[in-house]
């Protein structure tokens, strides 16, 4: 499985090696800059120019949590190895640690 983010406000997930699209995520209102798989669960976090990070649940096929608090675009995101926290880094010169529970 591979996920890519894009300027078209979407992320897409493909199955390898056949290249079939498994899922498309719609919900951000600006370009996407990054994504990161949860270390153990069926979750993905994405970062965007819309100043948010979003957590997506594959089994539900939708966004389950929008993380708001940055004043400018969010450049990147990542999960902590325990899976309870995600981090976001913004163009506003701040980083946030989010307790997703």
N, C-alpha and C. Protein backbone atom coordinates (compact mmCIF):
# COMPACT_ATOMS: atom_id res chain seq x y z
N UNK A 1 0.86 -1.18 0.00
CA UNK A 1 0.00 0.00 0.00
C UNK A 1 0.89 1.23 0.00
N UNK A 2 0.49 2.22 -0.78
CA UNK A 2 1.19 3.49 -0.81
C UNK A 2 0.15 4.61 -0.83
N UNK A 3 0.46 5.72 -0.16
CA UNK A 3 -0.43 6.88 -0.13
C UNK A 3 0.34 8.08 -0.65
N UNK A 4 -0.34 8.89 -1.47
CA UNK A 4 0.25 10.14 -1.96
C UNK A 4 -0.71 11.28 -1.71
N UNK A 5 -0.15 12.46 -1.43
CA UNK A 5 -0.95 13.67 -1.22
C UNK A 5 -0.71 14.61 -2.39
N UNK A 6 -1.63 15.59 -2.55
CA UNK A 6 -1.55 16.40 -3.76
C UNK A 6 -2.08 17.80 -3.56
N UNK A 7 -1.81 18.64 -4.57
CA UNK A 7 -2.33 20.00 -4.59
C UNK A 7 -3.83 20.05 -4.85
N UNK A 8 -4.43 18.95 -5.26
CA UNK A 8 -5.87 18.94 -5.58
C UNK A 8 -6.76 18.71 -4.35
N UNK A 9 -6.19 18.83 -3.14
CA UNK A 9 -6.90 18.71 -1.86
C UNK A 9 -7.23 17.27 -1.50
N UNK A 10 -6.69 16.30 -2.21
CA UNK A 10 -7.01 14.89 -1.99
C UNK A 10 -5.77 14.10 -1.61
N UNK A 11 -6.00 12.96 -0.94
CA UNK A 11 -4.97 11.94 -0.84
C UNK A 11 -5.55 10.68 -1.46
N UNK A 12 -4.66 9.85 -2.00
CA UNK A 12 -5.08 8.61 -2.63
C UNK A 12 -4.21 7.47 -2.16
N UNK A 13 -4.86 6.31 -1.98
CA UNK A 13 -4.19 5.10 -1.54
C UNK A 13 -4.27 4.06 -2.65
N UNK A 14 -3.10 3.48 -2.98
CA UNK A 14 -3.03 2.46 -4.02
C UNK A 14 -2.53 1.15 -3.44
N UNK A 15 -3.01 0.06 -4.01
CA UNK A 15 -2.49 -1.26 -3.70
C UNK A 15 -1.36 -1.57 -4.66
N UNK A 16 -0.28 -2.09 -4.14
CA UNK A 16 0.85 -2.49 -4.98
C UNK A 16 0.94 -4.00 -4.99
N UNK A 17 1.33 -4.64 -6.05
CA UNK A 17 1.94 -4.08 -7.24
C UNK A 17 0.94 -3.75 -8.35
N UNK A 18 -0.38 -4.03 -8.17
CA UNK A 18 -1.31 -3.85 -9.29
C UNK A 18 -1.68 -2.41 -9.57
N UNK A 19 -1.53 -1.50 -8.59
CA UNK A 19 -1.78 -0.08 -8.82
C UNK A 19 -3.23 0.34 -8.75
N UNK A 20 -4.11 -0.51 -8.21
CA UNK A 20 -5.52 -0.14 -8.08
C UNK A 20 -5.71 0.85 -6.93
N UNK A 21 -6.55 1.86 -7.16
CA UNK A 21 -6.86 2.81 -6.09
C UNK A 21 -7.80 2.14 -5.09
N UNK A 22 -7.40 2.14 -3.83
CA UNK A 22 -8.19 1.54 -2.76
C UNK A 22 -9.12 2.57 -2.14
N UNK A 23 -8.61 3.79 -1.94
CA UNK A 23 -9.36 4.81 -1.22
C UNK A 23 -8.88 6.19 -1.62
N UNK A 24 -9.80 7.15 -1.59
CA UNK A 24 -9.48 8.56 -1.81
C UNK A 24 -10.04 9.35 -0.65
N UNK A 25 -9.23 10.24 -0.09
CA UNK A 25 -9.67 11.07 1.04
C UNK A 25 -9.98 12.48 0.59
N UNK A 26 -11.22 12.89 0.82
CA UNK A 26 -11.67 14.25 0.52
C UNK A 26 -12.10 14.92 1.81
N UNK A 27 -11.63 16.15 2.05
CA UNK A 27 -12.02 16.84 3.26
C UNK A 27 -11.20 18.09 3.55
N UNK A 28 -9.95 18.09 3.11
CA UNK A 28 -9.14 19.29 3.27
C UNK A 28 -9.61 20.33 2.25
N UNK A 29 -9.41 21.60 2.59
CA UNK A 29 -9.86 22.69 1.70
C UNK A 29 -8.71 23.39 0.98
N UNK A 30 -7.50 22.83 1.12
CA UNK A 30 -6.33 23.38 0.42
C UNK A 30 -5.38 22.22 0.14
N UNK A 31 -4.23 22.51 -0.47
CA UNK A 31 -3.25 21.48 -0.83
C UNK A 31 -2.83 20.66 0.37
N UNK A 32 -2.43 19.44 0.11
CA UNK A 32 -1.90 18.55 1.14
C UNK A 32 -0.39 18.51 1.05
N UNK A 33 0.25 18.47 2.21
CA UNK A 33 1.70 18.53 2.24
C UNK A 33 2.35 17.25 2.77
N UNK A 34 1.61 16.44 3.51
CA UNK A 34 2.23 15.25 4.08
C UNK A 34 1.20 14.27 4.61
N UNK A 35 1.68 13.05 4.87
CA UNK A 35 0.83 12.03 5.48
C UNK A 35 1.71 11.03 6.20
N UNK A 36 1.11 10.31 7.14
CA UNK A 36 1.87 9.33 7.91
C UNK A 36 0.91 8.25 8.41
N UNK A 37 1.28 6.97 8.21
CA UNK A 37 0.48 5.86 8.71
C UNK A 37 0.64 5.72 10.22
N UNK A 38 -0.43 5.36 10.90
CA UNK A 38 -0.39 5.03 12.32
C UNK A 38 0.51 3.79 12.48
N UNK A 39 1.24 3.70 13.60
CA UNK A 39 2.17 2.57 13.75
C UNK A 39 1.51 1.20 13.86
N UNK A 40 0.24 1.14 14.30
CA UNK A 40 -0.38 -0.17 14.47
C UNK A 40 -1.84 -0.24 14.02
N UNK A 41 -2.52 0.86 13.87
CA UNK A 41 -3.94 0.88 13.60
C UNK A 41 -4.20 1.25 12.13
N UNK A 42 -5.48 1.24 11.74
CA UNK A 42 -5.86 1.60 10.36
C UNK A 42 -6.16 3.09 10.27
N UNK A 43 -5.19 3.90 10.68
CA UNK A 43 -5.33 5.36 10.68
C UNK A 43 -4.22 5.99 9.86
N UNK A 44 -4.53 7.16 9.33
CA UNK A 44 -3.58 7.98 8.58
C UNK A 44 -3.77 9.41 9.06
N UNK A 45 -2.68 10.14 9.25
CA UNK A 45 -2.77 11.57 9.53
C UNK A 45 -2.25 12.32 8.30
N UNK A 46 -2.96 13.40 7.94
CA UNK A 46 -2.56 14.23 6.80
C UNK A 46 -2.39 15.67 7.25
N UNK A 47 -1.52 16.41 6.56
CA UNK A 47 -1.30 17.82 6.86
C UNK A 47 -1.61 18.63 5.61
N UNK A 48 -2.03 19.91 5.84
CA UNK A 48 -2.54 20.68 4.71
C UNK A 48 -2.27 22.17 4.82
N UNK A 49 -2.35 22.82 3.67
CA UNK A 49 -2.28 24.27 3.60
C UNK A 49 -3.49 24.95 4.20
N UNK A 50 -4.53 24.20 4.54
CA UNK A 50 -5.73 24.78 5.15
C UNK A 50 -5.58 24.99 6.66
N UNK A 51 -4.37 24.85 7.19
CA UNK A 51 -3.97 25.05 8.59
C UNK A 51 -4.39 23.91 9.51
N UNK A 52 -4.82 22.78 8.96
CA UNK A 52 -5.24 21.66 9.80
C UNK A 52 -4.45 20.40 9.50
N UNK A 53 -4.54 19.47 10.43
CA UNK A 53 -4.15 18.08 10.21
C UNK A 53 -5.43 17.28 10.41
N UNK A 54 -5.57 16.19 9.67
CA UNK A 54 -6.76 15.36 9.80
C UNK A 54 -6.37 13.91 10.00
N UNK A 55 -7.14 13.23 10.83
CA UNK A 55 -6.94 11.81 11.06
C UNK A 55 -8.04 11.05 10.34
N UNK A 56 -7.63 10.08 9.53
CA UNK A 56 -8.53 9.28 8.70
C UNK A 56 -8.53 7.85 9.18
N UNK A 57 -9.71 7.26 9.24
CA UNK A 57 -9.86 5.86 9.61
C UNK A 57 -10.20 5.07 8.35
N UNK A 58 -9.35 4.13 7.97
CA UNK A 58 -9.57 3.36 6.75
C UNK A 58 -10.82 2.51 6.84
N UNK A 59 -11.08 1.88 7.99
CA UNK A 59 -12.23 1.00 8.10
C UNK A 59 -13.55 1.76 8.01
N UNK A 60 -13.56 3.02 8.43
CA UNK A 60 -14.75 3.86 8.30
C UNK A 60 -14.78 4.61 6.98
N UNK A 61 -13.62 4.71 6.34
CA UNK A 61 -13.52 5.38 5.05
C UNK A 61 -13.75 6.87 5.11
N UNK A 62 -13.37 7.50 6.23
CA UNK A 62 -13.61 8.94 6.37
C UNK A 62 -12.68 9.56 7.40
N UNK A 63 -12.71 10.90 7.43
CA UNK A 63 -11.98 11.66 8.45
C UNK A 63 -12.71 11.50 9.78
N UNK A 64 -11.98 11.18 10.83
CA UNK A 64 -12.59 11.00 12.15
C UNK A 64 -12.21 12.11 13.12
N UNK A 65 -11.20 12.93 12.77
CA UNK A 65 -10.78 14.00 13.66
C UNK A 65 -10.02 15.06 12.87
N UNK A 66 -10.39 16.32 13.06
CA UNK A 66 -9.67 17.45 12.46
C UNK A 66 -8.96 18.19 13.58
N UNK A 67 -7.66 18.36 13.43
CA UNK A 67 -6.83 19.03 14.44
C UNK A 67 -6.60 20.47 14.00
N UNK A 68 -7.17 21.40 14.76
CA UNK A 68 -7.10 22.83 14.43
C UNK A 68 -6.34 23.57 15.52
N UNK A 69 -5.57 24.57 15.11
CA UNK A 69 -4.82 25.36 16.08
C UNK A 69 -3.66 26.12 15.48
N UNK A 70 -3.25 25.75 14.29
CA UNK A 70 -2.18 26.47 13.62
C UNK A 70 -2.74 27.70 12.91
N UNK A 71 -1.91 28.74 12.81
CA UNK A 71 -2.33 29.98 12.16
C UNK A 71 -1.98 30.01 10.67
N UNK A 72 -1.09 29.11 10.25
CA UNK A 72 -0.69 29.04 8.84
C UNK A 72 -0.62 27.57 8.41
N UNK A 73 -0.23 27.37 7.18
CA UNK A 73 -0.19 26.03 6.60
C UNK A 73 0.57 25.04 7.48
N UNK A 74 0.10 23.80 7.50
CA UNK A 74 0.78 22.72 8.21
C UNK A 74 1.63 21.97 7.19
N UNK A 75 2.95 21.99 7.41
CA UNK A 75 3.89 21.42 6.45
C UNK A 75 4.05 19.91 6.56
N UNK A 76 3.93 19.38 7.77
CA UNK A 76 4.18 17.95 7.93
C UNK A 76 3.49 17.43 9.18
N UNK A 77 3.41 16.10 9.25
CA UNK A 77 2.77 15.44 10.38
C UNK A 77 3.41 14.08 10.58
N UNK A 78 3.29 13.55 11.81
CA UNK A 78 3.87 12.26 12.11
C UNK A 78 3.22 11.68 13.37
N UNK A 79 3.23 10.36 13.48
CA UNK A 79 2.73 9.68 14.67
C UNK A 79 3.86 9.39 15.63
N UNK A 80 3.59 9.44 16.93
CA UNK A 80 4.52 8.91 17.93
C UNK A 80 4.46 7.39 17.83
N UNK A 81 5.51 6.71 18.19
CA UNK A 81 5.57 5.25 18.06
C UNK A 81 4.51 4.52 18.89
N UNK A 82 4.01 5.15 19.97
CA UNK A 82 2.97 4.51 20.78
C UNK A 82 1.59 4.61 20.13
N UNK A 83 1.43 5.55 19.18
CA UNK A 83 0.17 5.71 18.47
C UNK A 83 -0.86 6.58 19.15
N UNK A 84 -0.57 7.09 20.33
CA UNK A 84 -1.52 7.93 21.07
C UNK A 84 -1.38 9.41 20.74
N UNK A 85 -0.29 9.78 20.11
CA UNK A 85 0.00 11.18 19.83
C UNK A 85 0.41 11.36 18.38
N UNK A 86 0.05 12.51 17.84
CA UNK A 86 0.54 12.89 16.53
C UNK A 86 1.15 14.28 16.66
N UNK A 87 2.09 14.59 15.80
CA UNK A 87 2.74 15.90 15.82
C UNK A 87 2.51 16.58 14.48
N UNK A 88 2.42 17.90 14.53
CA UNK A 88 2.29 18.69 13.30
C UNK A 88 3.26 19.86 13.36
N UNK A 89 3.79 20.21 12.21
CA UNK A 89 4.74 21.33 12.09
C UNK A 89 4.18 22.32 11.08
N UNK A 90 4.14 23.60 11.49
CA UNK A 90 3.46 24.60 10.68
C UNK A 90 4.39 25.70 10.18
N UNK A 91 3.93 26.35 9.12
CA UNK A 91 4.61 27.52 8.57
C UNK A 91 4.58 28.70 9.55
N UNK A 92 3.70 28.63 10.58
CA UNK A 92 3.62 29.69 11.58
C UNK A 92 4.73 29.57 12.64
N UNK A 93 5.72 28.71 12.38
CA UNK A 93 6.89 28.49 13.26
C UNK A 93 6.54 27.78 14.56
N UNK A 94 5.43 27.00 14.56
CA UNK A 94 5.08 26.23 15.74
C UNK A 94 4.96 24.76 15.37
N UNK A 95 5.11 23.94 16.39
CA UNK A 95 4.81 22.52 16.31
C UNK A 95 3.79 22.22 17.38
N UNK A 96 2.92 21.28 17.10
CA UNK A 96 1.91 20.88 18.08
C UNK A 96 2.02 19.38 18.29
N UNK A 97 1.81 18.96 19.53
CA UNK A 97 1.67 17.55 19.86
C UNK A 97 0.22 17.35 20.24
N UNK A 98 -0.44 16.44 19.58
CA UNK A 98 -1.88 16.21 19.77
C UNK A 98 -2.11 14.85 20.41
N UNK A 99 -2.87 14.84 21.52
CA UNK A 99 -3.30 13.60 22.15
C UNK A 99 -4.58 13.18 21.43
N UNK A 100 -4.53 12.17 20.61
CA UNK A 100 -5.68 11.81 19.78
C UNK A 100 -6.73 11.00 20.53
N UNK A 101 -6.44 10.65 21.76
CA UNK A 101 -7.44 9.93 22.56
C UNK A 101 -8.34 10.90 23.29
